[in-house]
Amino acid sequence: MLTRINKNNTQELAAFIAGRNQEISSDVLIQVSKIIEDVKENKDEACRRYTKQFDGVDQKAFRVTEKELDEAIQQCDPDFCKAMQKAAKNITDFHQAQRQKGYRLQKEMGIYLGQRVLPLESVGIYVPGGRAQYPSSVLMNAIPAHVAGVKRIVMVTPPDKQGKIHPNIAYAAKIAGVSEIYKIGGAQAIAALAYGTQSIQSVDKITGPGNIYVAAAKKMVFGKVDIDMIAGPSEILVIADEEADPEYVASDLISQAEHDPMASAILVTTSQALLEKVNAALQRQSAVLPKKDIIEASLRDYGKSVLCDTIEECIAISNAVAPEHLELMVKEPEMYLDLVKNAGSVFMGYYTCESIGDYFGGTNHVLPTSGTARFSSALGVDAFIKKSSYLHYTQEAIEAYRKADVLKPDHVWTIRHLATCHRQLRDFATALEYYRKAEAMQPENRNLPFLIGSCLAEQERYEEALQCFFKLDFMENDCIKAWRAIGWCSFVSGKFEQAMRYYNKILALKPLSTDYLNAGHAALLLGNMEKAAELYGKATSESGNRETFLEMFDKDKEMLIKLG
């Protein structure tokens, strides 16, 4: 059942690896793009339409209430609950060990610098619905986020025909630390998580598997939010020696082949006899399984075998494939682990079946596919953190750099470093002197007009600042950074119409929530209340919620009173 590939036929192997990449068709991308734009514009109303269209449910409220959750959990089998509790503990223990700490380096002259490790504020987890249910996916996505310290963990999952979620999914969410659950699936759920609706507040990152439409949606919202990965069809590569049990090998190959007709199952072995026995076992086992047709299609199109002389040769082939799941069904697998360079997760020994990692063992089953294990990692705590550096310089350090400046008066790096230090100390006048000196030495440098303009603006020398930003706008085409600075300096100096012209240019390209806010301020002081209300509404939507918008508005309130 497995198609033989000669170990020396590198072209055939390379063609197979390349053929495993799954591209999302333009038709799917266009359809998903329309859904995303509809949800951005019409929010809950669009989500209800798509839920009725795709899931056949007329959903009034998306959020699962505590009462609904408790009622669903009561339907769970007690043995299932016990198993999930043990699995959750194993997964928690494994991911606790992944936690990182920040650090601080103390240098001379009171200088210090360091790195902080911070959890993301909010995460969205997509859990597939339909005929199958995946409580293990809930644990694998939510627990690492919880361990990382994420305070808001949101789960979305398609409702059943009765508008409910599966009891097992409900229980998994309960024990995994999920904060909010919404009955919504498909591309519309991804759009809601990315852009927010009246019912669903936006998140910072989206993780979890889904169909091709979910994958396309994740791809298209990346940049607005972070995502885990675009997962392709599942895959397993088993390296087996002559002592491996062929029945076990066949079972493990089938464990992935049954997922999808495009799933890949590969056997790399040093034993011709084992290979023949595995092929016979594959035929025997698949014939009696409910997903017989899927298994046969997967093994026919993507089932491969390679015969090698040594285990080292087997591992070299595996490294070229970079499989999602790698099983080392060999004697003393620890001897070979260091040779494995590319694999999502490694299962060691004759009895460590892939399915134990999928459900119970503790390692994460969200893994890189399609050869991306060459540069990607399994989902873990790192996926739910961000790292922020910090730096502190003293006046003593500044003086030391000043001496360096005397020794090397034409050293542009020293001059710019001094300028940056003074700017961080909010000594904008001195910083300006150094930036102008640097500009005289590097007139072609496009960053310097912006830095000079920023120092002038901090000193409320707005007319001079505007000249710098106009210069930058001339040097670069469609420079949003320059437009944003021109808009703000124009606004605070009372040139509201000029400010509005530049904000309109930004809004036509890639606006931020603050751009809508500032444009709203300009419209307000121009007396266009209707336009101001529209722009403030956009700012609220883009910022994710009304509270964030009000915080931003309050910071500008005193200035608005002064100007208007």
Protein backbone atom coordinates (compact mmCIF):
# COMPACT_ATOMS: atom_id res chain seq x y z
CA MET A 1 0.00 0.00 0.00
CA LEU A 2 2.98 2.28 0.50
CA THR A 3 4.69 3.48 -2.68
CA ARG A 4 8.41 2.72 -2.61
CA ILE A 5 10.89 5.58 -3.10
CA ASN A 6 14.54 4.72 -3.71
CA LYS A 7 16.73 6.34 -1.08
CA ASN A 8 19.13 7.47 -3.81
CA ASN A 9 16.42 9.04 -5.94
CA THR A 10 16.66 12.49 -4.41
CA GLN A 11 14.62 14.10 -7.22
CA GLU A 12 11.60 11.92 -6.52
CA LEU A 13 11.91 12.57 -2.80
CA ALA A 14 12.23 16.33 -3.40
CA ALA A 15 9.18 16.27 -5.70
CA PHE A 16 7.17 14.47 -3.04
CA ILE A 17 8.17 16.97 -0.35
CA ALA A 18 7.31 19.90 -2.62
CA GLY A 19 3.99 18.32 -3.57
CA ARG A 20 2.94 18.26 0.07
CA ASN A 21 2.59 22.04 0.18
CA GLN A 22 -1.07 23.06 0.10
CA GLU A 23 -1.90 26.37 -1.51
CA ILE A 24 -5.17 28.14 -0.77
CA SER A 25 -7.01 28.76 -4.04
CA SER A 26 -7.84 32.27 -5.22
CA ASP A 27 -11.56 31.40 -5.20
CA VAL A 28 -11.43 30.58 -1.49
CA LEU A 29 -9.41 33.72 -0.74
CA ILE A 30 -11.91 35.92 -2.60
CA GLN A 31 -14.88 34.35 -0.81
CA VAL A 32 -13.23 34.66 2.58
CA SER A 33 -12.18 38.24 1.88
CA LYS A 34 -15.82 39.17 1.28
CA ILE A 35 -16.86 37.52 4.55
CA ILE A 36 -14.17 39.37 6.51
CA GLU A 37 -15.13 42.74 5.03
CA ASP A 38 -18.80 42.04 5.74
CA VAL A 39 -18.06 41.21 9.39
CA LYS A 40 -15.86 44.32 9.73
CA GLU A 41 -18.70 46.47 8.43
CA ASN A 42 -21.83 44.77 9.78
CA LYS A 43 -20.43 42.91 12.82
CA ASP A 44 -23.03 40.81 14.70
CA GLU A 45 -25.60 41.07 11.92
CA ALA A 46 -23.15 39.60 9.39
CA CYS A 47 -22.12 36.86 11.84
CA ARG A 48 -25.76 35.84 12.31
CA ARG A 49 -26.33 35.68 8.55
CA TYR A 50 -23.32 33.43 7.98
CA THR A 51 -24.14 31.21 10.96
CA LYS A 52 -27.62 30.65 9.50
CA GLN A 53 -26.21 30.13 5.99
CA PHE A 54 -23.40 27.70 6.86
CA ASP A 55 -24.54 26.07 10.11
CA GLY A 56 -28.32 26.21 9.66
CA VAL A 57 -28.79 27.94 13.02
CA ASP A 58 -30.64 31.19 13.64
CA GLN A 59 -28.37 32.39 16.43
CA LYS A 60 -29.70 35.22 18.59
CA ALA A 61 -26.89 35.33 21.15
CA PHE A 62 -23.38 34.02 20.50
CA ARG A 63 -21.95 33.86 24.00
CA VAL A 64 -22.36 30.67 26.02
CA THR A 65 -23.76 31.53 29.44
CA GLU A 66 -22.60 29.92 32.66
CA LYS A 67 -25.95 28.15 32.86
CA GLU A 68 -25.53 26.72 29.34
CA LEU A 69 -22.00 25.63 30.17
CA ASP A 70 -23.04 23.85 33.36
CA GLU A 71 -25.96 22.12 31.64
CA ALA A 72 -23.68 20.87 28.88
CA ILE A 73 -21.03 19.62 31.31
CA GLN A 74 -23.62 17.61 33.24
CA GLN A 75 -24.08 15.46 30.13
CA CYS A 76 -20.43 14.38 30.05
CA ASP A 77 -19.42 10.81 30.78
CA PRO A 78 -17.62 10.65 34.20
CA ASP A 79 -14.85 8.46 32.75
CA PHE A 80 -14.27 11.03 30.02
CA CYS A 81 -13.98 13.76 32.65
CA LYS A 82 -11.40 11.76 34.63
CA ALA A 83 -9.33 11.15 31.50
CA MET A 84 -9.48 14.84 30.57
CA GLN A 85 -8.37 15.88 34.05
CA LYS A 86 -5.32 13.61 33.83
CA ALA A 87 -4.52 14.85 30.32
CA ALA A 88 -4.90 18.48 31.44
CA LYS A 89 -2.46 17.89 34.32
CA ASN A 90 0.09 16.28 32.00
CA ILE A 91 -0.21 19.15 29.51
CA THR A 92 0.04 21.75 32.28
CA ASP A 93 3.13 20.13 33.82
CA PHE A 94 4.90 20.01 30.44
CA HIS A 95 4.13 23.62 29.57
CA GLN A 96 4.99 24.95 33.04
CA ALA A 97 8.56 23.92 32.31
CA GLN A 98 8.55 26.17 29.20
CA ARG A 99 8.03 29.42 31.10
CA GLN A 100 10.74 32.03 30.61
CA LYS A 101 11.99 34.80 32.87
CA GLY A 102 13.22 38.23 31.90
CA TYR A 103 16.71 39.45 32.68
CA ARG A 104 18.60 42.64 33.52
CA LEU A 105 22.21 43.45 32.69
CA GLN A 106 23.93 45.99 34.93
CA LYS A 107 26.68 47.92 33.16
CA GLU A 108 29.13 50.66 34.14
CA MET A 109 28.15 54.28 34.96
CA GLY A 110 24.65 53.32 36.08
CA ILE A 111 23.70 51.95 32.66
CA TYR A 112 21.37 48.99 32.68
CA LEU A 113 19.38 47.15 30.06
CA GLY A 114 17.18 44.13 30.02
CA GLN A 115 14.29 42.18 28.67
CA ARG A 116 10.79 41.64 30.05
CA VAL A 117 8.67 38.60 29.26
CA LEU A 118 5.01 39.59 29.15
CA PRO A 119 1.87 37.55 28.42
CA LEU A 120 -0.46 38.60 25.62
CA GLU A 121 -3.56 40.36 26.88
CA SER A 122 -6.08 38.26 24.97
CA VAL A 123 -6.10 35.16 22.78
CA GLY A 124 -8.76 33.60 20.55
CA ILE A 125 -8.92 29.82 20.15
CA TYR A 126 -10.73 28.22 17.22
CA VAL A 127 -12.13 24.74 17.90
CA PRO A 128 -13.66 22.87 14.92
CA GLY A 129 -17.23 21.58 15.14
CA GLY A 130 -19.32 19.63 12.70
CA ARG A 131 -19.53 15.83 12.86
CA ALA A 132 -16.35 15.47 14.93
CA GLN A 133 -15.46 17.09 18.22
CA TYR A 134 -11.96 17.88 19.45
CA PRO A 135 -11.77 18.48 23.20
CA SER A 136 -8.03 17.77 23.04
CA SER A 137 -7.59 20.84 20.80
CA VAL A 138 -9.13 22.95 23.53
CA LEU A 139 -6.54 21.73 26.04
CA MET A 140 -3.60 22.05 23.66
CA ASN A 141 -4.42 25.67 22.79
CA ALA A 142 -5.86 27.04 26.04
CA ILE A 143 -3.54 25.51 28.63
CA PRO A 144 -0.27 26.98 27.23
CA ALA A 145 -2.01 30.37 27.03
CA HIS A 146 -3.17 30.01 30.63
CA VAL A 147 0.32 28.97 31.78
CA ALA A 148 1.80 31.98 29.95
CA GLY A 149 -0.45 34.26 32.00
CA VAL A 150 -2.97 35.33 29.35
CA LYS A 151 -5.89 36.83 31.25
CA ARG A 152 -8.55 36.62 28.53
CA ILE A 153 -8.81 33.33 26.62
CA VAL A 154 -11.70 33.33 24.14
CA MET A 155 -12.97 30.17 22.44
CA VAL A 156 -15.09 30.10 19.28
CA THR A 157 -16.67 26.92 17.97
CA PRO A 158 -19.51 26.22 15.51
CA PRO A 159 -22.89 25.42 17.09
CA ASP A 160 -24.77 22.20 16.40
CA LYS A 161 -28.20 22.21 14.75
CA GLN A 162 -29.78 23.03 18.12
CA GLY A 163 -27.53 26.05 18.56
CA LYS A 164 -25.45 24.40 21.30
CA ILE A 165 -21.85 23.29 21.80
CA HIS A 166 -20.80 19.70 22.43
CA PRO A 167 -20.69 18.73 26.15
CA ASN A 168 -17.13 17.39 25.83
CA ILE A 169 -15.95 20.70 24.32
CA ALA A 170 -17.68 22.55 27.16
CA TYR A 171 -15.93 20.45 29.81
CA ALA A 172 -12.53 20.85 28.16
CA ALA A 173 -12.99 24.62 28.08
CA LYS A 174 -13.95 24.65 31.74
CA ILE A 175 -10.84 22.83 32.98
CA ALA A 176 -8.47 24.59 30.55
CA GLY A 177 -9.16 28.09 31.87
CA VAL A 178 -11.18 29.49 28.93
CA SER A 179 -12.68 32.88 29.85
CA GLU A 180 -15.37 33.28 27.18
CA ILE A 181 -17.06 30.87 24.75
CA TYR A 182 -18.93 31.90 21.60
CA LYS A 183 -21.09 29.72 19.36
CA ILE A 184 -19.73 30.77 16.00
CA GLY A 185 -17.47 29.11 13.45
CA GLY A 186 -15.97 29.51 10.00
CA ALA A 187 -14.25 32.53 8.50
CA GLN A 188 -16.80 34.79 10.21
CA ALA A 189 -15.54 33.65 13.63
CA ILE A 190 -11.95 34.49 12.70
CA ALA A 191 -13.04 37.93 11.43
CA ALA A 192 -14.98 38.56 14.65
CA LEU A 193 -11.94 37.68 16.77
CA ALA A 194 -9.67 39.89 14.68
CA TYR A 195 -11.87 42.99 14.30
CA GLY A 196 -14.47 42.67 17.06
CA THR A 197 -18.25 42.92 16.95
CA GLN A 198 -20.90 44.18 19.34
CA SER A 199 -20.84 40.79 21.09
CA ILE A 200 -17.24 39.67 20.64
CA GLN A 201 -14.31 41.84 21.67
CA SER A 202 -11.22 41.52 19.45
CA VAL A 203 -8.12 39.58 20.56
CA ASP A 204 -4.37 39.86 20.04
CA LYS A 205 -3.73 36.38 18.63
CA ILE A 206 -5.73 33.55 17.07
CA THR A 207 -4.75 29.89 17.31
CA GLY A 208 -6.33 26.55 16.53
CA PRO A 209 -7.07 24.31 13.52
CA GLY A 210 -9.91 24.62 11.03
CA ASN A 211 -10.99 23.93 7.47
CA ILE A 212 -9.59 25.67 4.40
CA TYR A 213 -11.87 28.69 4.94
CA VAL A 214 -10.69 29.11 8.51
CA ALA A 215 -7.07 28.76 7.35
CA ALA A 216 -7.63 31.39 4.64
CA ALA A 217 -9.24 33.76 7.15
CA LYS A 218 -6.31 33.37 9.57
CA LYS A 219 -3.91 34.10 6.72
CA MET A 220 -5.82 37.25 5.76
CA VAL A 221 -6.19 38.73 9.26
CA PHE A 222 -2.51 38.16 10.09
CA GLY A 223 -1.00 41.57 10.74
CA LYS A 224 -4.14 42.85 12.43
CA VAL A 225 -3.63 40.01 14.89
CA ASP A 226 -0.99 37.34 15.28
CA ILE A 227 -1.72 33.71 14.39
CA ASP A 228 -0.11 30.40 15.29
CA MET A 229 0.37 28.88 11.82
CA ILE A 230 -1.41 27.88 8.62
CA ALA A 231 -1.57 24.13 9.13
CA GLY A 232 -1.58 21.76 6.17
CA PRO A 233 -2.70 18.11 6.06
CA SER A 234 -1.43 15.91 8.88
CA GLU A 235 1.66 13.75 8.41
CA ILE A 236 3.65 11.05 10.17
CA LEU A 237 7.03 9.52 9.45
CA VAL A 238 7.98 6.29 11.22
CA ILE A 239 11.61 5.17 11.41
CA ALA A 240 11.60 1.48 12.31
CA ASP A 241 14.26 -1.17 12.72
CA GLU A 242 13.84 -4.92 12.30
CA GLU A 243 12.57 -5.40 15.88
CA ALA A 244 9.62 -3.02 15.52
CA ASP A 245 6.17 -4.63 15.64
CA PRO A 246 4.64 -4.31 12.12
CA GLU A 247 1.12 -4.19 13.57
CA TYR A 248 2.08 -1.22 15.74
CA VAL A 249 3.82 0.51 12.82
CA ALA A 250 0.74 0.06 10.61
CA SER A 251 -1.59 1.33 13.33
CA ASP A 252 0.46 4.46 13.82
CA LEU A 253 0.63 5.16 10.09
CA ILE A 254 -3.16 4.77 9.89
CA SER A 255 -3.63 7.11 12.89
CA GLN A 256 -2.71 10.00 10.57
CA ALA A 257 -3.92 8.59 7.24
CA GLU A 258 -7.48 8.45 8.57
CA HIS A 259 -7.49 12.23 9.18
CA ASP A 260 -7.63 13.35 5.59
CA PRO A 261 -7.20 11.94 2.04
CA MET A 262 -4.24 14.36 1.76
CA ALA A 263 -2.61 13.16 4.99
CA SER A 264 0.82 11.63 4.55
CA ALA A 265 2.14 8.42 6.12
CA ILE A 266 5.79 7.51 5.49
CA LEU A 267 7.76 4.46 6.63
CA VAL A 268 11.57 4.63 6.56
CA THR A 269 13.15 1.36 7.64
CA THR A 270 16.28 -0.76 7.54
CA SER A 271 14.28 -4.00 7.15
CA GLN A 272 12.76 -5.30 3.90
CA ALA A 273 10.89 -7.97 5.85
CA LEU A 274 9.33 -5.39 8.16
CA LEU A 275 8.27 -3.24 5.20
CA GLU A 276 6.42 -6.18 3.63
CA LYS A 277 4.72 -7.07 6.92
CA VAL A 278 3.64 -3.44 7.46
CA ASN A 279 2.05 -3.29 3.99
CA ALA A 280 0.10 -6.46 4.75
CA ALA A 281 -0.97 -5.08 8.15
CA LEU A 282 -2.11 -1.81 6.54
CA GLN A 283 -4.42 -3.71 4.18
CA ARG A 284 -5.77 -5.88 6.98
CA GLN A 285 -6.36 -3.07 9.50
CA SER A 286 -7.79 -0.47 7.11
CA ALA A 287 -10.32 -2.94 5.66
CA VAL A 288 -12.34 -3.01 8.89
CA LEU A 289 -12.11 0.66 9.89
CA PRO A 290 -14.99 3.18 9.51
CA LYS A 291 -12.76 5.61 7.55
CA LYS A 292 -11.56 2.92 5.14
CA ASP A 293 -12.04 5.10 2.03
CA ILE A 294 -10.12 8.05 3.50
CA ILE A 295 -7.26 5.78 4.67
CA GLU A 296 -6.95 4.08 1.30
CA ALA A 297 -6.92 7.41 -0.57
CA SER A 298 -4.29 8.82 1.77
CA LEU A 299 -2.03 5.75 1.55
CA ARG A 300 -2.45 5.52 -2.23
CA ASP A 301 -1.56 9.16 -2.93
CA TYR A 302 0.70 10.11 -0.03
CA GLY A 303 1.80 6.85 1.56
CA LYS A 304 5.52 6.26 0.94
CA SER A 305 8.24 3.85 2.04
CA VAL A 306 12.02 4.06 1.87
CA LEU A 307 14.48 1.24 2.54
CA CYS A 308 17.83 2.29 4.00
CA ASP A 309 21.01 0.57 5.16
CA THR A 310 21.34 2.32 8.52
CA ILE A 311 19.25 4.23 11.03
CA GLU A 312 21.48 7.25 10.38
CA GLU A 313 20.39 7.16 6.71
CA CYS A 314 16.77 6.94 7.83
CA ILE A 315 17.14 10.03 9.99
CA ALA A 316 18.82 11.97 7.16
CA ILE A 317 15.75 11.33 4.99
CA SER A 318 13.47 12.33 7.85
CA ASN A 319 15.37 15.61 8.27
CA ALA A 320 14.80 16.34 4.57
CA VAL A 321 11.06 15.70 4.93
CA ALA A 322 10.80 17.60 8.27
CA PRO A 323 7.67 15.71 9.36
CA GLU A 324 4.98 16.92 11.72
CA HIS A 325 5.19 13.67 13.73
CA LEU A 326 8.31 11.52 13.83
CA GLU A 327 8.38 8.09 15.51
CA LEU A 328 11.71 6.47 16.36
CA MET A 329 10.55 2.86 16.63
CA VAL A 330 14.09 1.61 17.19
CA LYS A 331 16.14 0.05 19.94
CA GLU A 332 17.67 2.72 22.23
CA PRO A 333 16.09 5.76 20.52
CA GLU A 334 17.97 8.15 22.85
CA MET A 335 21.15 7.31 20.90
CA TYR A 336 19.69 8.90 17.77
CA LEU A 337 17.74 11.86 19.14
CA ASP A 338 20.56 14.37 18.65
CA LEU A 339 20.69 13.45 14.95
CA VAL A 340 17.08 14.60 14.49
CA LYS A 341 17.15 18.22 13.34
CA ASN A 342 13.72 18.76 11.76
CA ALA A 343 10.55 17.39 13.34
CA GLY A 344 7.49 18.87 15.02
CA SER A 345 7.42 16.24 17.76
CA VAL A 346 9.42 13.04 18.28
CA PHE A 347 7.90 9.85 19.72
CA MET A 348 10.58 7.55 21.07
CA GLY A 349 10.60 3.77 21.32
CA TYR A 350 8.41 0.86 20.31
CA TYR A 351 5.47 1.76 22.55
CA THR A 352 5.16 5.56 22.30
CA CYS A 353 2.35 5.79 19.79
CA GLU A 354 1.60 9.13 18.12
CA SER A 355 -1.93 9.21 19.55
CA ILE A 356 -0.65 9.42 23.13
CA GLY A 357 0.96 12.74 22.20
CA ASP A 358 -2.23 13.90 20.50
CA TYR A 359 -4.39 13.36 23.56
CA PHE A 360 -2.70 12.52 26.83
CA GLY A 361 1.07 12.58 27.19
CA GLY A 362 1.51 16.32 27.74
CA THR A 363 3.44 17.48 24.68
CA ASN A 364 1.50 19.78 22.37
CA HIS A 365 -0.20 18.37 19.30
CA VAL A 366 -0.36 21.69 17.41
CA LEU A 367 2.68 21.11 15.20
CA PRO A 368 4.29 22.52 12.05
CA THR A 369 3.33 20.73 8.82
CA SER A 370 4.38 20.64 5.15
CA GLY A 371 8.08 20.75 5.91
CA THR A 372 7.85 23.89 8.06
CA ALA A 373 9.40 22.02 11.00
CA ARG A 374 12.66 23.19 9.39
CA PHE A 375 12.02 26.61 10.91
CA SER A 376 8.87 26.41 13.05
CA SER A 377 8.07 25.00 16.47
CA ALA A 378 5.23 23.27 18.20
CA LEU A 379 2.65 25.48 19.88
CA GLY A 380 3.74 26.28 23.40
CA VAL A 381 3.99 28.96 26.06
CA ASP A 382 6.30 31.02 23.80
CA ALA A 383 3.39 31.51 21.39
CA PHE A 384 1.47 33.46 24.02
CA ILE A 385 4.16 35.84 25.24
CA LYS A 386 5.93 38.90 23.92
CA LYS A 387 9.37 40.18 24.84
CA SER A 388 10.03 43.83 25.50
CA SER A 389 13.51 45.31 25.98
CA TYR A 390 14.36 48.32 28.14
CA LEU A 391 17.38 50.57 28.48
CA HIS A 392 18.58 53.19 31.01
CA TYR A 393 21.42 55.72 30.60
CA THR A 394 22.63 58.21 33.20
CA GLN A 395 24.01 61.72 32.82
CA GLU A 396 27.43 60.26 33.59
CA ALA A 397 27.11 57.96 30.58
CA ILE A 398 26.06 60.86 28.39
CA GLU A 399 29.17 62.76 29.43
CA ALA A 400 31.31 59.75 28.60
CA TYR A 401 29.84 59.68 25.10
CA ARG A 402 30.46 63.41 24.87
CA LYS A 403 34.18 62.74 25.47
CA ALA A 404 34.06 60.14 22.72
CA ASP A 405 32.58 62.87 20.53
CA VAL A 406 35.58 65.11 21.25
CA LEU A 407 37.97 62.32 20.37
CA LYS A 408 36.05 61.49 17.17
CA PRO A 409 34.25 64.67 16.12
CA ASP A 410 33.32 63.25 12.70
CA HIS A 411 32.03 59.93 13.96
CA VAL A 412 28.37 60.01 12.85
CA TRP A 413 27.41 56.94 14.94
CA THR A 414 28.60 58.70 18.11
CA ILE A 415 26.70 61.86 17.19
CA ARG A 416 23.45 60.01 16.55
CA HIS A 417 23.87 57.96 19.72
CA LEU A 418 24.32 61.14 21.74
CA ALA A 419 21.23 62.62 20.10
CA THR A 420 19.20 59.53 21.00
CA CYS A 421 20.42 59.59 24.60
CA HIS A 422 19.43 63.25 25.03
CA ARG A 423 16.05 62.60 23.41
CA GLN A 424 15.41 59.75 25.88
CA LEU A 425 16.32 62.15 28.69
CA ARG A 426 13.78 64.60 27.10
CA ASP A 427 16.53 67.14 26.51
CA PHE A 428 15.13 67.91 23.07
CA ALA A 429 17.17 71.10 22.51
CA THR A 430 20.49 69.26 22.86
CA ALA A 431 19.19 66.26 20.90
CA LEU A 432 18.20 68.64 18.11
CA GLU A 433 21.75 70.05 17.92
CA TYR A 434 23.21 66.59 17.46
CA TYR A 435 20.56 65.49 14.93
CA ARG A 436 21.24 68.62 12.83
CA LYS A 437 24.97 67.86 12.99
CA ALA A 438 24.27 64.30 11.82
CA GLU A 439 22.03 65.59 9.01
CA ALA A 440 24.84 67.82 7.74
CA MET A 441 27.03 64.72 7.52
CA GLN A 442 24.31 62.46 6.06
CA PRO A 443 21.92 64.69 4.05
CA GLU A 444 20.51 61.67 2.22
CA ASN A 445 19.41 59.97 5.46
CA ARG A 446 15.58 59.91 5.47
CA ASN A 447 15.23 59.19 9.18
CA LEU A 448 16.89 62.40 10.28
CA PRO A 449 14.22 64.88 9.02
CA PHE A 450 11.66 62.92 11.01
CA LEU A 451 13.82 62.88 14.17
CA ILE A 452 14.58 66.59 13.84
CA GLY A 453 10.91 67.36 13.27
CA SER A 454 9.95 65.26 16.31
CA CYS A 455 12.34 67.21 18.55
CA LEU A 456 10.95 70.50 17.23
CA ALA A 457 7.38 69.31 17.81
CA GLU A 458 8.24 68.32 21.39
CA GLN A 459 9.36 71.95 21.86
CA GLU A 460 6.05 73.13 20.31
CA ARG A 461 7.97 74.65 17.36
CA TYR A 462 5.29 73.33 15.03
CA GLU A 463 5.98 75.50 11.97
CA GLU A 464 9.63 74.41 11.89
CA ALA A 465 8.58 70.81 12.55
CA LEU A 466 6.16 70.92 9.62
CA GLN A 467 8.96 71.94 7.26
CA CYS A 468 10.92 68.83 8.30
CA PHE A 469 7.93 66.55 7.79
CA PHE A 470 7.12 68.14 4.40
CA LYS A 471 10.75 67.45 3.44
CA LEU A 472 10.36 63.80 4.43
CA ASP A 473 7.11 63.58 2.45
CA PHE A 474 9.00 64.92 -0.58
CA MET A 475 11.86 62.41 -0.10
CA GLU A 476 9.54 59.39 0.19
CA ASN A 477 6.42 58.53 -1.80
CA ASP A 478 3.25 57.84 0.20
CA CYS A 479 5.05 58.26 3.53
CA ILE A 480 2.32 57.63 6.08
CA LYS A 481 4.77 58.42 8.89
CA ALA A 482 5.25 61.93 7.45
CA TRP A 483 1.51 62.40 6.81
CA ARG A 484 0.68 61.40 10.37
CA ALA A 485 3.20 63.92 11.76
CA ILE A 486 1.98 66.68 9.37
CA GLY A 487 -1.61 65.97 10.37
CA TRP A 488 -0.87 66.23 14.08
CA CYS A 489 1.36 69.33 13.90
CA SER A 490 -1.16 71.04 11.64
CA PHE A 491 -3.97 70.19 14.05
CA VAL A 492 -2.26 71.40 17.24
CA SER A 493 -1.19 74.62 15.50
CA GLY A 494 -4.79 75.37 14.48
CA LYS A 495 -4.54 74.41 10.78
CA PHE A 496 -7.55 72.10 10.93
CA GLU A 497 -8.28 71.94 7.19
CA GLN A 498 -4.66 71.04 6.38
CA ALA A 499 -4.75 68.43 9.14
CA MET A 500 -7.95 66.96 7.68
CA ARG A 501 -6.41 66.70 4.19
CA TYR A 502 -3.53 64.62 5.47
CA TYR A 503 -5.69 62.46 7.74
CA ASN A 504 -7.93 61.70 4.75
CA LYS A 505 -4.84 60.49 2.86
CA ILE A 506 -3.98 58.16 5.75
CA LEU A 507 -7.56 56.88 6.08
CA ALA A 508 -7.51 55.88 2.42
CA LEU A 509 -4.52 53.59 2.98
CA LYS A 510 -3.64 51.90 6.30
CA PRO A 511 -5.22 53.80 9.20
CA LEU A 512 -4.76 53.04 12.88
CA SER A 513 -7.42 53.63 15.52
CA THR A 514 -5.53 56.80 16.55
CA ASP A 515 -5.77 58.11 12.98
CA TYR A 516 -9.56 57.84 13.10
CA LEU A 517 -9.49 59.52 16.52
CA ASN A 518 -7.32 62.45 15.39
CA ALA A 519 -9.29 62.88 12.17
CA GLY A 520 -12.40 62.99 14.35
CA HIS A 521 -10.82 65.76 16.41
CA ALA A 522 -10.10 67.75 13.22
CA ALA A 523 -13.66 67.25 11.94
CA LEU A 524 -15.03 68.31 15.34
CA LEU A 525 -13.11 71.58 15.39
CA LEU A 526 -14.09 72.23 11.77
CA GLY A 527 -17.70 72.05 12.95
CA ASN A 528 -18.55 68.86 11.01
CA MET A 529 -20.27 66.99 13.82
CA GLU A 530 -21.68 64.24 11.62
CA LYS A 531 -18.22 63.43 10.20
CA ALA A 532 -16.67 63.60 13.66
CA ALA A 533 -19.22 61.10 15.01
CA GLU A 534 -18.53 58.75 12.09
CA LEU A 535 -14.77 58.91 12.64
CA TYR A 536 -15.07 58.43 16.41
CA GLY A 537 -17.22 55.38 15.69
CA LYS A 538 -14.46 53.99 13.44
CA ALA A 539 -11.89 54.70 16.17
CA THR A 540 -14.03 52.78 18.67
CA SER A 541 -14.33 49.83 16.30
CA GLU A 542 -10.62 49.71 15.45
CA SER A 543 -9.52 50.06 19.08
CA GLY A 544 -11.56 46.98 19.95
CA ASN A 545 -13.97 48.38 22.52
CA ARG A 546 -15.57 51.57 23.83
CA GLU A 547 -13.46 51.66 27.01
CA THR A 548 -10.17 51.80 25.06
CA PHE A 549 -11.57 54.57 22.87
CA LEU A 550 -12.66 56.61 25.88
CA GLU A 551 -9.19 56.28 27.44
CA MET A 552 -7.63 57.65 24.23
CA PHE A 553 -10.19 60.45 24.00
CA ASP A 554 -9.69 61.50 27.63
CA LYS A 555 -5.95 61.99 27.01
CA ASP A 556 -6.80 64.56 24.32
CA LYS A 557 -9.67 66.25 26.13
CA GLU A 558 -7.62 69.09 27.65
CA MET A 559 -6.00 69.87 24.29
CA LEU A 560 -9.39 69.92 22.51
CA ILE A 561 -10.73 72.40 25.05
CA LYS A 562 -7.64 74.58 24.56
CA LEU A 563 -7.95 74.52 20.76
CA GLY A 564 -11.69 74.86 20.53
